[in-house]
Amino acid sequence: SALSELEEALSQGVLGQRRKILGAAVSTALVELR
């Protein structure tokens, strides 16, 4: 059915991007905090 390939693409594109966005926001805040 190839459903796993779609699930993998969603995992890579969506969740990886969200972590990068959150990580960038936290990195900026940590610089100010330090």
Full PDB file with SEQRES, HELIX, SHEET, SSBOND, CRYST1, ORIGX, SCALE, CONECT and MASTER records, all heavy atoms in Angstrom:
SEQRES   1 A   34  SER ALA LEU SER GLU LEU GLU GLU ALA LEU SER GLN GLY          
SEQRES   2 A   34  VAL LEU GLY GLN ARG ARG LYS ILE LEU GLY ALA ALA VAL          
SEQRES   3 A   34  SER THR ALA LEU VAL GLU LEU ARG                              
HELIX    1 AA1 LEU A    3  LEU A   10  1                                   8    
HELIX    2 AA2 SER A   11  LEU A   15  3                                   5    
HELIX    3 AA3 GLY A   16  LEU A   33  1                                  18    
CRYST1    1.000    1.000    1.000  90.00  90.00  90.00 P 1           1          
ORIGX1      1.000000  0.000000  0.000000        0.00000                         
ORIGX2      0.000000  1.000000  0.000000        0.00000                         
ORIGX3      0.000000  0.000000  1.000000        0.00000                         
SCALE1      1.000000  0.000000  0.000000        0.00000                         
SCALE2      0.000000  1.000000  0.000000        0.00000                         
SCALE3      0.000000  0.000000  1.000000        0.00000                         
ATOM      1  N   SER A   1       0.821  -1.218   0.000  1.00  0.00           N  
ATOM      2  CA  SER A   1       0.000   0.000   0.000  1.00  0.00           C  
ATOM      3  C   SER A   1       0.851   1.263   0.000  1.00  0.00           C  
ATOM      4  O   SER A   1       0.369   2.348  -0.332  1.00  0.00           O  
ATOM      5  CB  SER A   1      -0.916   0.022   1.229  1.00  0.00           C  
ATOM      6  OG  SER A   1      -0.167   0.314   2.406  1.00  0.00           O  
ATOM      7  N   ALA A   2       2.134   1.118   0.400  1.00  0.00           N  
ATOM      8  CA  ALA A   2       3.092   2.242   0.451  1.00  0.00           C  
ATOM      9  C   ALA A   2       2.690   3.308   1.466  1.00  0.00           C  
ATOM     10  O   ALA A   2       3.189   4.438   1.413  1.00  0.00           O  
ATOM     11  CB  ALA A   2       3.272   2.868  -0.939  1.00  0.00           C  
ATOM     12  N   LEU A   3       1.812   2.960   2.402  1.00  0.00           N  
ATOM     13  CA  LEU A   3       1.388   3.932   3.407  1.00  0.00           C  
ATOM     14  C   LEU A   3       2.557   4.362   4.295  1.00  0.00           C  
ATOM     15  O   LEU A   3       2.645   5.521   4.720  1.00  0.00           O  
ATOM     16  CB  LEU A   3       0.268   3.332   4.266  1.00  0.00           C  
ATOM     17  CG  LEU A   3      -0.397   4.272   5.275  1.00  0.00           C  
ATOM     18  CD1 LEU A   3      -1.119   5.407   4.559  1.00  0.00           C  
ATOM     19  CD2 LEU A   3      -1.376   3.499   6.164  1.00  0.00           C  
ATOM     20  N   SER A   4       3.476   3.431   4.556  1.00  0.00           N  
ATOM     21  CA  SER A   4       4.624   3.744   5.414  1.00  0.00           C  
ATOM     22  C   SER A   4       5.501   4.836   4.807  1.00  0.00           C  
ATOM     23  O   SER A   4       6.088   5.650   5.535  1.00  0.00           O  
ATOM     24  CB  SER A   4       5.460   2.485   5.659  1.00  0.00           C  
ATOM     25  OG  SER A   4       4.701   1.495   6.308  1.00  0.00           O  
ATOM     26  N   GLU A   5       5.624   4.855   3.461  1.00  0.00           N  
ATOM     27  CA  GLU A   5       6.430   5.890   2.807  1.00  0.00           C  
ATOM     28  C   GLU A   5       5.835   7.281   3.053  1.00  0.00           C  
ATOM     29  O   GLU A   5       6.553   8.255   3.283  1.00  0.00           O  
ATOM     30  CB  GLU A   5       6.517   5.626   1.298  1.00  0.00           C  
ATOM     31  CG  GLU A   5       7.545   4.585   0.884  1.00  0.00           C  
ATOM     32  CD  GLU A   5       7.130   3.161   1.228  1.00  0.00           C  
ATOM     33  OE1 GLU A   5       5.968   2.967   1.632  1.00  0.00           O  
ATOM     34  OE2 GLU A   5       7.959   2.239   1.093  1.00  0.00           O  
ATOM     35  N   LEU A   6       4.509   7.376   3.023  1.00  0.00           N  
ATOM     36  CA  LEU A   6       3.857   8.658   3.299  1.00  0.00           C  
ATOM     37  C   LEU A   6       4.056   9.064   4.753  1.00  0.00           C  
ATOM     38  O   LEU A   6       4.354  10.230   5.051  1.00  0.00           O  
ATOM     39  CB  LEU A   6       2.359   8.567   2.987  1.00  0.00           C  
ATOM     40  CG  LEU A   6       1.516   9.801   3.353  1.00  0.00           C  
ATOM     41  CD1 LEU A   6       2.021  11.039   2.630  1.00  0.00           C  
ATOM     42  CD2 LEU A   6       0.044   9.560   3.052  1.00  0.00           C  
ATOM     43  N   GLU A   7       3.917   8.111   5.661  1.00  0.00           N  
ATOM     44  CA  GLU A   7       4.106   8.412   7.082  1.00  0.00           C  
ATOM     45  C   GLU A   7       5.533   8.885   7.347  1.00  0.00           C  
ATOM     46  O   GLU A   7       5.768   9.805   8.131  1.00  0.00           O  
ATOM     47  CB  GLU A   7       3.781   7.184   7.929  1.00  0.00           C  
ATOM     48  CG  GLU A   7       2.305   6.809   7.898  1.00  0.00           C  
ATOM     49  CD  GLU A   7       1.991   5.625   8.796  1.00  0.00           C  
ATOM     50  OE1 GLU A   7       2.896   4.792   9.015  1.00  0.00           O  
ATOM     51  OE2 GLU A   7       0.850   5.519   9.267  1.00  0.00           O  
ATOM     52  N   GLU A   8       6.494   8.256   6.674  1.00  0.00           N  
ATOM     53  CA  GLU A   8       7.890   8.655   6.841  1.00  0.00           C  
ATOM     54  C   GLU A   8       8.106  10.073   6.319  1.00  0.00           C  
ATOM     55  O   GLU A   8       8.793  10.885   6.943  1.00  0.00           O  
ATOM     56  CB  GLU A   8       8.793   7.670   6.094  1.00  0.00           C  
ATOM     57  CG  GLU A   8      10.292   7.958   6.225  1.00  0.00           C  
ATOM     58  CD  GLU A   8      10.830   7.700   7.621  1.00  0.00           C  
ATOM     59  OE1 GLU A   8      10.095   7.124   8.450  1.00  0.00           O  
ATOM     60  OE2 GLU A   8      11.976   8.090   7.886  1.00  0.00           O  
ATOM     61  N   ALA A   9       7.506  10.404   5.174  1.00  0.00           N  
ATOM     62  CA  ALA A   9       7.646  11.749   4.605  1.00  0.00           C  
ATOM     63  C   ALA A   9       7.037  12.800   5.529  1.00  0.00           C  
ATOM     64  O   ALA A   9       7.597  13.895   5.709  1.00  0.00           O  
ATOM     65  CB  ALA A   9       6.982  11.802   3.233  1.00  0.00           C  
ATOM     66  N   LEU A  10       5.887  12.488   6.123  1.00  0.00           N  
ATOM     67  CA  LEU A  10       5.267  13.409   7.076  1.00  0.00           C  
ATOM     68  C   LEU A  10       6.162  13.613   8.295  1.00  0.00           C  
ATOM     69  O   LEU A  10       6.331  14.735   8.777  1.00  0.00           O  
ATOM     70  CB  LEU A  10       3.903  12.868   7.523  1.00  0.00           C  
ATOM     71  CG  LEU A  10       2.723  13.076   6.573  1.00  0.00           C  
ATOM     72  CD1 LEU A  10       1.513  12.294   7.054  1.00  0.00           C  
ATOM     73  CD2 LEU A  10       2.387  14.552   6.458  1.00  0.00           C  
ATOM     74  N   SER A  11       6.745  12.524   8.785  1.00  0.00           N  
ATOM     75  CA  SER A  11       7.630  12.607   9.949  1.00  0.00           C  
ATOM     76  C   SER A  11       8.825  13.502   9.660  1.00  0.00           C  
ATOM     77  O   SER A  11       9.182  14.378  10.454  1.00  0.00           O  
ATOM     78  CB  SER A  11       8.121  11.214  10.350  1.00  0.00           C  
ATOM     79  OG  SER A  11       7.042  10.371  10.672  1.00  0.00           O  
ATOM     80  N   GLN A  12       9.440  13.280   8.508  1.00  0.00           N  
ATOM     81  CA  GLN A  12      10.637  14.037   8.151  1.00  0.00           C  
ATOM     82  C   GLN A  12      10.322  15.509   7.960  1.00  0.00           C  
ATOM     83  O   GLN A  12      10.988  16.379   8.511  1.00  0.00           O  
ATOM     84  CB  GLN A  12      11.239  13.474   6.865  1.00  0.00           C  
ATOM     85  CG  GLN A  12      11.784  12.069   6.997  1.00  0.00           C  
ATOM     86  CD  GLN A  12      12.067  11.442   5.646  1.00  0.00           C  
ATOM     87  OE1 GLN A  12      11.852  12.048   4.614  1.00  0.00           O  
ATOM     88  NE2 GLN A  12      12.563  10.220   5.663  1.00  0.00           N  
ATOM     89  N   GLY A  13       9.299  15.791   7.173  1.00  0.00           N  
ATOM     90  CA  GLY A  13       9.005  17.177   6.814  1.00  0.00           C  
ATOM     91  C   GLY A  13       8.408  17.982   7.937  1.00  0.00           C  
ATOM     92  O   GLY A  13       8.840  19.092   8.220  1.00  0.00           O  
ATOM     93  N   VAL A  14       7.410  17.430   8.626  1.00  0.00           N  
ATOM     94  CA  VAL A  14       6.669  18.197   9.618  1.00  0.00           C  
ATOM     95  C   VAL A  14       7.423  18.299  10.939  1.00  0.00           C  
ATOM     96  O   VAL A  14       7.711  19.380  11.433  1.00  0.00           O  
ATOM     97  CB  VAL A  14       5.282  17.557   9.875  1.00  0.00           C  
ATOM     98  CG1 VAL A  14       4.495  18.393  10.863  1.00  0.00           C  
ATOM     99  CG2 VAL A  14       4.523  17.437   8.575  1.00  0.00           C  
ATOM    100  N   LEU A  15       7.748  17.147  11.520  1.00  0.00           N  
ATOM    101  CA  LEU A  15       8.309  17.154  12.867  1.00  0.00           C  
ATOM    102  C   LEU A  15       9.727  17.702  12.893  1.00  0.00           C  
ATOM    103  O   LEU A  15      10.107  18.424  13.819  1.00  0.00           O  
ATOM    104  CB  LEU A  15       8.259  15.743  13.455  1.00  0.00           C  
ATOM    105  CG  LEU A  15       6.847  15.133  13.474  1.00  0.00           C  
ATOM    106  CD1 LEU A  15       6.859  13.777  14.147  1.00  0.00           C  
ATOM    107  CD2 LEU A  15       5.883  16.065  14.199  1.00  0.00           C  
ATOM    108  N   GLY A  16      10.523  17.367  11.865  1.00  0.00           N  
ATOM    109  CA  GLY A  16      11.873  17.926  11.817  1.00  0.00           C  
ATOM    110  C   GLY A  16      11.836  19.438  11.733  1.00  0.00           C  
ATOM    111  O   GLY A  16      12.595  20.140  12.405  1.00  0.00           O  
ATOM    112  N   GLN A  17      10.908  19.957  10.928  1.00  0.00           N  
ATOM    113  CA  GLN A  17      10.783  21.406  10.785  1.00  0.00           C  
ATOM    114  C   GLN A  17      10.334  22.052  12.092  1.00  0.00           C  
ATOM    115  O   GLN A  17      10.846  23.095  12.484  1.00  0.00           O  
ATOM    116  CB  GLN A  17       9.771  21.722   9.678  1.00  0.00           C  
ATOM    117  CG  GLN A  17       9.645  23.209   9.370  1.00  0.00           C  
ATOM    118  CD  GLN A  17       8.518  23.493   8.401  1.00  0.00           C  
ATOM    119  OE1 GLN A  17       7.396  23.042   8.595  1.00  0.00           O  
ATOM    120  NE2 GLN A  17       8.811  24.227   7.351  1.00  0.00           N  
ATOM    121  N   ARG A  18       9.372  21.436  12.789  1.00  0.00           N  
ATOM    122  CA  ARG A  18       8.897  22.018  14.047  1.00  0.00           C  
ATOM    123  C   ARG A  18      10.012  22.083  15.080  1.00  0.00           C  
ATOM    124  O   ARG A  18      10.140  23.063  15.805  1.00  0.00           O  
ATOM    125  CB  ARG A  18       7.736  21.190  14.609  1.00  0.00           C  
ATOM    126  CG  ARG A  18       6.463  21.240  13.809  1.00  0.00           C  
ATOM    127  CD  ARG A  18       6.054  22.649  13.479  1.00  0.00           C  
ATOM    128  NE  ARG A  18       5.698  23.435  14.637  1.00  0.00           N  
ATOM    129  CZ  ARG A  18       5.575  24.747  14.634  1.00  0.00           C  
ATOM    130  NH1 ARG A  18       5.806  25.433  13.529  1.00  0.00           N  
ATOM    131  NH2 ARG A  18       5.238  25.399  15.722  1.00  0.00           N  
ATOM    132  N   ARG A  19      10.824  21.043  15.150  1.00  0.00           N  
ATOM    133  CA  ARG A  19      11.928  21.068  16.121  1.00  0.00           C  
ATOM    134  C   ARG A  19      12.920  22.171  15.787  1.00  0.00           C  
ATOM    135  O   ARG A  19      13.453  22.846  16.673  1.00  0.00           O  
ATOM    136  CB  ARG A  19      12.641  19.717  16.141  1.00  0.00           C  
ATOM    137  CG  ARG A  19      11.851  18.634  16.855  1.00  0.00           C  
ATOM    138  CD  ARG A  19      12.734  17.443  17.175  1.00  0.00           C  
ATOM    139  NE  ARG A  19      11.970  16.349  17.745  1.00  0.00           N  
ATOM    140  CZ  ARG A  19      12.514  15.233  18.210  1.00  0.00           C  
ATOM    141  NH1 ARG A  19      13.810  15.075  18.155  1.00  0.00           N  
ATOM    142  NH2 ARG A  19      11.767  14.277  18.723  1.00  0.00           N  
ATOM    143  N   LYS A  20      13.176  22.363  14.501  1.00  0.00           N  
ATOM    144  CA  LYS A  20      14.109  23.421  14.111  1.00  0.00           C  
ATOM    145  C   LYS A  20      13.571  24.796  14.468  1.00  0.00           C  
ATOM    146  O   LYS A  20      14.305  25.668  14.941  1.00  0.00           O  
ATOM    147  CB  LYS A  20      14.389  23.334  12.608  1.00  0.00           C  
ATOM    148  CG  LYS A  20      15.283  22.162  12.219  1.00  0.00           C  
ATOM    149  CD  LYS A  20      15.529  22.112  10.718  1.00  0.00           C  
ATOM    150  CE  LYS A  20      16.420  20.923  10.351  1.00  0.00           C  
ATOM    151  NZ  LYS A  20      16.638  20.824   8.893  1.00  0.00           N  
ATOM    152  N   ILE A  21      12.263  25.004  14.247  1.00  0.00           N  
ATOM    153  CA  ILE A  21      11.654  26.290  14.573  1.00  0.00           C  
ATOM    154  C   ILE A  21      11.697  26.540  16.076  1.00  0.00           C  
ATOM    155  O   ILE A  21      12.089  27.617  16.540  1.00  0.00           O  
ATOM    156  CB  ILE A  21      10.202  26.342  14.056  1.00  0.00           C  
ATOM    157  CG1 ILE A  21      10.190  26.369  12.524  1.00  0.00           C  
ATOM    158  CG2 ILE A  21       9.466  27.559  14.605  1.00  0.00           C  
ATOM    159  CD1 ILE A  21       8.810  26.230  11.915  1.00  0.00           C  
ATOM    160  N   LEU A  22      11.297  25.540  16.853  1.00  0.00           N  
ATOM    161  CA  LEU A  22      11.335  25.679  18.312  1.00  0.00           C  
ATOM    162  C   LEU A  22      12.772  25.848  18.794  1.00  0.00           C  
ATOM    163  O   LEU A  22      13.052  26.655  19.684  1.00  0.00           O  
ATOM    164  CB  LEU A  22      10.700  24.459  18.978  1.00  0.00           C  
ATOM    165  CG  LEU A  22       9.180  24.305  18.816  1.00  0.00           C  
ATOM    166  CD1 LEU A  22       8.724  22.971  19.393  1.00  0.00           C  
ATOM    167  CD2 LEU A  22       8.449  25.447  19.500  1.00  0.00           C  
ATOM    168  N   GLY A  23      13.682  25.083  18.186  1.00  0.00           N  
ATOM    169  CA  GLY A  23      15.088  25.169  18.580  1.00  0.00           C  
ATOM    170  C   GLY A  23      15.670  26.544  18.320  1.00  0.00           C  
ATOM    171  O   GLY A  23      16.430  27.083  19.138  1.00  0.00           O  
ATOM    172  N   ALA A  24      15.309  27.146  17.183  1.00  0.00           N  
ATOM    173  CA  ALA A  24      15.810  28.482  16.858  1.00  0.00           C  
ATOM    174  C   ALA A  24      15.300  29.505  17.867  1.00  0.00           C  
ATOM    175  O   ALA A  24      16.045  30.389  18.311  1.00  0.00           O  
ATOM    176  CB  ALA A  24      15.379  28.867  15.445  1.00  0.00           C  
ATOM    177  N   ALA A  25      14.008  29.389  18.246  1.00  0.00           N  
ATOM    178  CA  ALA A  25      13.437  30.321  19.228  1.00  0.00           C  
ATOM    179  C   ALA A  25      14.128  30.179  20.579  1.00  0.00           C  
ATOM    180  O   ALA A  25      14.455  31.179  21.239  1.00  0.00           O  
ATOM    181  CB  ALA A  25      11.935  30.065  19.372  1.00  0.00           C  
ATOM    182  N   VAL A  26      14.396  28.938  20.979  1.00  0.00           N  
ATOM    183  CA  VAL A  26      15.046  28.700  22.266  1.00  0.00           C  
ATOM    184  C   VAL A  26      16.500  29.174  22.235  1.00  0.00           C  
ATOM    185  O   VAL A  26      16.996  29.767  23.202  1.00  0.00           O  
ATOM    186  CB  VAL A  26      14.978  27.200  22.640  1.00  0.00           C  
ATOM    187  CG1 VAL A  26      15.803  26.921  23.883  1.00  0.00           C  
ATOM    188  CG2 VAL A  26      13.539  26.786  22.869  1.00  0.00           C  
ATOM    189  N   SER A  27      17.198  28.938  21.133  1.00  0.00           N  
ATOM    190  CA  SER A  27      18.598  29.365  21.018  1.00  0.00           C  
ATOM    191  C   SER A  27      18.716  30.872  21.191  1.00  0.00           C  
ATOM    192  O   SER A  27      19.597  31.369  21.908  1.00  0.00           O  
ATOM    193  CB  SER A  27      19.168  28.958  19.653  1.00  0.00           C  
ATOM    194  OG  SER A  27      19.236  27.558  19.542  1.00  0.00           O  
ATOM    195  N   THR A  28      17.812  31.624  20.539  1.00  0.00           N  
ATOM    196  CA  THR A  28      17.821  33.083  20.670  1.00  0.00           C  
ATOM    197  C   THR A  28      17.583  33.495  22.112  1.00  0.00           C  
ATOM    198  O   THR A  28      18.262  34.380  22.642  1.00  0.00           O  
ATOM    199  CB  THR A  28      16.727  33.697  19.774  1.00  0.00           C  
ATOM    200  OG1 THR A  28      16.959  33.314  18.414  1.00  0.00           O  
ATOM    201  CG2 THR A  28      16.735  35.208  19.868  1.00  0.00           C  
ATOM    202  N   ALA A  29      16.606  32.842  22.760  1.00  0.00           N  
ATOM    203  CA  ALA A  29      16.299  33.174  24.152  1.00  0.00           C  
ATOM    204  C   ALA A  29      17.473  32.840  25.072  1.00  0.00           C  
ATOM    205  O   ALA A  29      17.769  33.584  26.016  1.00  0.00           O  
ATOM    206  CB  ALA A  29      15.051  32.430  24.602  1.00  0.00           C  
ATOM    207  N   LEU A  30      18.159  31.720  24.804  1.00  0.00           N  
ATOM    208  CA  LEU A  30      19.287  31.329  25.652  1.00  0.00           C  
ATOM    209  C   LEU A  30      20.444  32.310  25.539  1.00  0.00           C  
ATOM    210  O   LEU A  30      21.138  32.593  26.525  1.00  0.00           O  
ATOM    211  CB  LEU A  30      19.757  29.923  25.287  1.00  0.00           C  
ATOM    212  CG  LEU A  30      18.902  28.765  25.799  1.00  0.00           C  
ATOM    213  CD1 LEU A  30      19.450  27.442  25.310  1.00  0.00           C  
ATOM    214  CD2 LEU A  30      18.849  28.771  27.323  1.00  0.00           C  
ATOM    215  N   VAL A  31      20.672  32.837  24.345  1.00  0.00           N  
ATOM    216  CA  VAL A  31      21.727  33.845  24.170  1.00  0.00           C  
ATOM    217  C   VAL A  31      21.421  35.067  25.026  1.00  0.00           C  
ATOM    218  O   VAL A  31      22.289  35.592  25.735  1.00  0.00           O  
ATOM    219  CB  VAL A  31      21.850  34.235  22.682  1.00  0.00           C  
ATOM    220  CG1 VAL A  31      22.745  35.469  22.525  1.00  0.00           C  
ATOM    221  CG2 VAL A  31      22.423  33.081  21.871  1.00  0.00           C  
ATOM    222  N   GLU A  32      20.156  35.533  24.975  1.00  0.00           N  
ATOM    223  CA  GLU A  32      19.755  36.686  25.784  1.00  0.00           C  
ATOM    224  C   GLU A  32      19.847  36.362  27.272  1.00  0.00           C  
ATOM    225  O   GLU A  32      20.295  37.190  28.069  1.00  0.00           O  
ATOM    226  CB  GLU A  32      18.332  37.100  25.427  1.00  0.00           C  
ATOM    227  CG  GLU A  32      18.174  37.655  24.018  1.00  0.00           C  
ATOM    228  CD  GLU A  32      16.755  38.109  23.749  1.00  0.00           C  
ATOM    229  OE1 GLU A  32      15.972  38.199  24.719  1.00  0.00           O  
ATOM    230  OE2 GLU A  32      16.424  38.364  22.577  1.00  0.00           O  
ATOM    231  N   LEU A  33      19.418  35.164  27.631  1.00  0.00           N  
ATOM    232  CA  LEU A  33      19.437  34.760  29.031  1.00  0.00           C  
ATOM    233  C   LEU A  33      20.862  34.731  29.577  1.00  0.00           C  
ATOM    234  O   LEU A  33      21.143  35.260  30.659  1.00  0.00           O  
ATOM    235  CB  LEU A  33      18.784  33.387  29.144  1.00  0.00           C  
ATOM    236  CG  LEU A  33      18.624  32.760  30.523  1.00  0.00           C  
ATOM    237  CD1 LEU A  33      17.353  31.930  30.569  1.00  0.00           C  
ATOM    238  CD2 LEU A  33      19.806  31.860  30.853  1.00  0.00           C  
ATOM    239  N   ARG A  34      21.761  34.113  28.833  1.00  0.00           N  
ATOM    240  CA  ARG A  34      23.156  34.041  29.277  1.00  0.00           C  
ATOM    241  C   ARG A  34      23.765  35.435  29.382  1.00  0.00           C  
ATOM    242  O   ARG A  34      24.508  35.746  30.317  1.00  0.00           O  
ATOM    243  CB  ARG A  34      23.964  33.193  28.296  1.00  0.00           C  
ATOM    244  CG  ARG A  34      23.766  31.696  28.481  1.00  0.00           C  
ATOM    245  CD  ARG A  34      24.481  30.927  27.390  1.00  0.00           C  
ATOM    246  NE  ARG A  34      24.753  29.555  27.772  1.00  0.00           N  
ATOM    247  CZ  ARG A  34      25.181  28.629  26.940  1.00  0.00           C  
ATOM    248  NH1 ARG A  34      25.374  28.928  25.669  1.00  0.00           N  
ATOM    249  NH2 ARG A  34      25.418  27.402  27.353  1.00  0.00           N  
TER     250      ARG A  34                                                      
MASTER        0    0    0    3    0    0    0    6  249    1    0    3          
END                                                                             
